[in-house]
C-alpha atoms as a PDB file:
ATOM      1  CA  MET A   1     -51.254 -28.435  22.098  1.00  0.00           C
ATOM      2  CA  GLU A   2     -54.346 -29.550  23.978  1.00  0.00           C
ATOM      3  CA  GLN A   3     -56.665 -26.956  25.410  1.00  0.00           C
ATOM      4  CA  VAL A   4     -59.351 -26.992  28.091  1.00  0.00           C
ATOM      5  CA  LYS A   5     -62.480 -24.888  28.512  1.00  0.00           C
ATOM      6  CA  ILE A   6     -62.927 -23.639  32.078  1.00  0.00           C
ATOM      7  CA  LYS A   7     -66.270 -22.259  33.299  1.00  0.00           C
ATOM      8  CA  LEU A   8     -66.880 -20.517  36.630  1.00  0.00           C
ATOM      9  CA  VAL A   9     -70.033 -22.054  38.133  1.00  0.00           C
ATOM     10  CA  LYS A  10     -69.958 -20.765  41.716  1.00  0.00           C
ATOM     11  CA  SER A  11     -69.581 -17.271  43.125  1.00  0.00           C
ATOM     12  CA  LEU A  12     -66.256 -15.892  44.312  1.00  0.00           C
ATOM     13  CA  ILE A  13     -67.936 -13.949  47.130  1.00  0.00           C
ATOM     14  CA  GLY A  14     -66.669 -15.057  50.539  1.00  0.00           C
ATOM     15  CA  ARG A  15     -63.865 -17.232  49.150  1.00  0.00           C
ATOM     16  CA  LYS A  16     -60.244 -17.114  50.255  1.00  0.00           C
ATOM     17  CA  LYS A  17     -58.234 -14.322  48.659  1.00  0.00           C
ATOM     18  CA  ASP A  18     -55.808 -16.729  47.020  1.00  0.00           C
ATOM     19  CA  HIS A  19     -58.702 -18.686  45.460  1.00  0.00           C
ATOM     20  CA  ILE A  20     -60.155 -15.451  44.055  1.00  0.00           C
ATOM     21  CA  ALA A  21     -56.723 -14.509  42.692  1.00  0.00           C
ATOM     22  CA  THR A  22     -56.393 -17.945  41.079  1.00  0.00           C
ATOM     23  CA  ALA A  23     -59.773 -17.575  39.361  1.00  0.00           C
ATOM     24  CA  HIS A  24     -58.806 -14.110  38.119  1.00  0.00           C
ATOM     25  CA  SER A  25     -55.489 -15.441  36.790  1.00  0.00           C
ATOM     26  CA  LEU A  26     -57.509 -17.903  34.688  1.00  0.00           C
ATOM     27  CA  GLY A  27     -59.598 -14.993  33.392  1.00  0.00           C
ATOM     28  CA  LEU A  28     -62.726 -15.865  35.395  1.00  0.00           C
ATOM     29  CA  LYS A  29     -64.446 -12.979  37.161  1.00  0.00           C
ATOM     30  CA  LYS A  30     -68.213 -13.640  37.050  1.00  0.00           C
ATOM     31  CA  ILE A  31     -70.388 -16.751  37.215  1.00  0.00           C
ATOM     32  CA  GLY A  32     -70.779 -18.134  33.713  1.00  0.00           C
ATOM     33  CA  ASN A  33     -67.453 -16.807  32.404  1.00  0.00           C
ATOM     34  CA  GLU A  34     -65.710 -19.305  30.145  1.00  0.00           C
ATOM     35  CA  LYS A  35     -62.083 -19.234  29.050  1.00  0.00           C
ATOM     36  CA  ILE A  36     -59.983 -21.552  26.946  1.00  0.00           C
ATOM     37  CA  GLN A  37     -56.558 -22.226  28.412  1.00  0.00           C
ATOM     38  CA  PRO A  38     -53.678 -24.463  27.290  1.00  0.00           C
ATOM     39  CA  LYS A  39     -53.496 -27.776  29.128  1.00  0.00           C
ATOM     40  CA  ASN A  40     -50.214 -27.653  31.005  1.00  0.00           C
ATOM     41  CA  LYS A  41     -48.978 -28.169  34.561  1.00  0.00           C
ATOM     42  CA  GLN A  42     -49.573 -24.551  35.583  1.00  0.00           C
ATOM     43  CA  THR A  43     -53.185 -24.550  34.403  1.00  0.00           C
ATOM     44  CA  GLU A  44     -53.870 -27.972  35.916  1.00  0.00           C
ATOM     45  CA  GLY A  45     -52.518 -26.754  39.264  1.00  0.00           C
ATOM     46  CA  LYS A  46     -54.776 -23.695  39.205  1.00  0.00           C
ATOM     47  CA  ILE A  47     -57.786 -25.841  38.313  1.00  0.00           C
ATOM     48  CA  ALA A  48     -56.976 -28.281  41.124  1.00  0.00           C
ATOM     49  CA  LYS A  49     -56.853 -25.422  43.620  1.00  0.00           C
ATOM     50  CA  ILE A  50     -60.324 -24.102  42.750  1.00  0.00           C
ATOM     51  CA  ASN A  51     -61.938 -27.305  41.425  1.00  0.00           C
ATOM     52  CA  TYR A  52     -65.038 -26.744  43.597  1.00  0.00           C
ATOM     53  CA  LEU A  53     -65.737 -23.459  41.757  1.00  0.00           C
ATOM     54  CA  VAL A  54     -65.260 -24.505  38.132  1.00  0.00           C
ATOM     55  CA  GLU A  55     -66.299 -27.004  35.465  1.00  0.00           C
ATOM     56  CA  VAL A  56     -63.657 -28.199  33.035  1.00  0.00           C
ATOM     57  CA  GLU A  57     -64.101 -29.809  29.635  1.00  0.00           C
ATOM     58  CA  LYS A  58     -61.940 -30.487  26.619  1.00  0.00           C
ATOM     59  CA  ALA A  59     -61.932 -27.622  24.129  1.00  0.00           C
END
């Protein structure tokens, strides 16, 4: 299964609560945190919701 590396590049301070919750569900809590997640519809939906906060690359 394909995987993607997700990195939080902008702060969560002052963001909408659901955007913060989405970042936390991906395992991202601080700027610079990186997590590897499986590439599936759920993960792609989460990334699309907070795409202005993260960088995504193939793992």
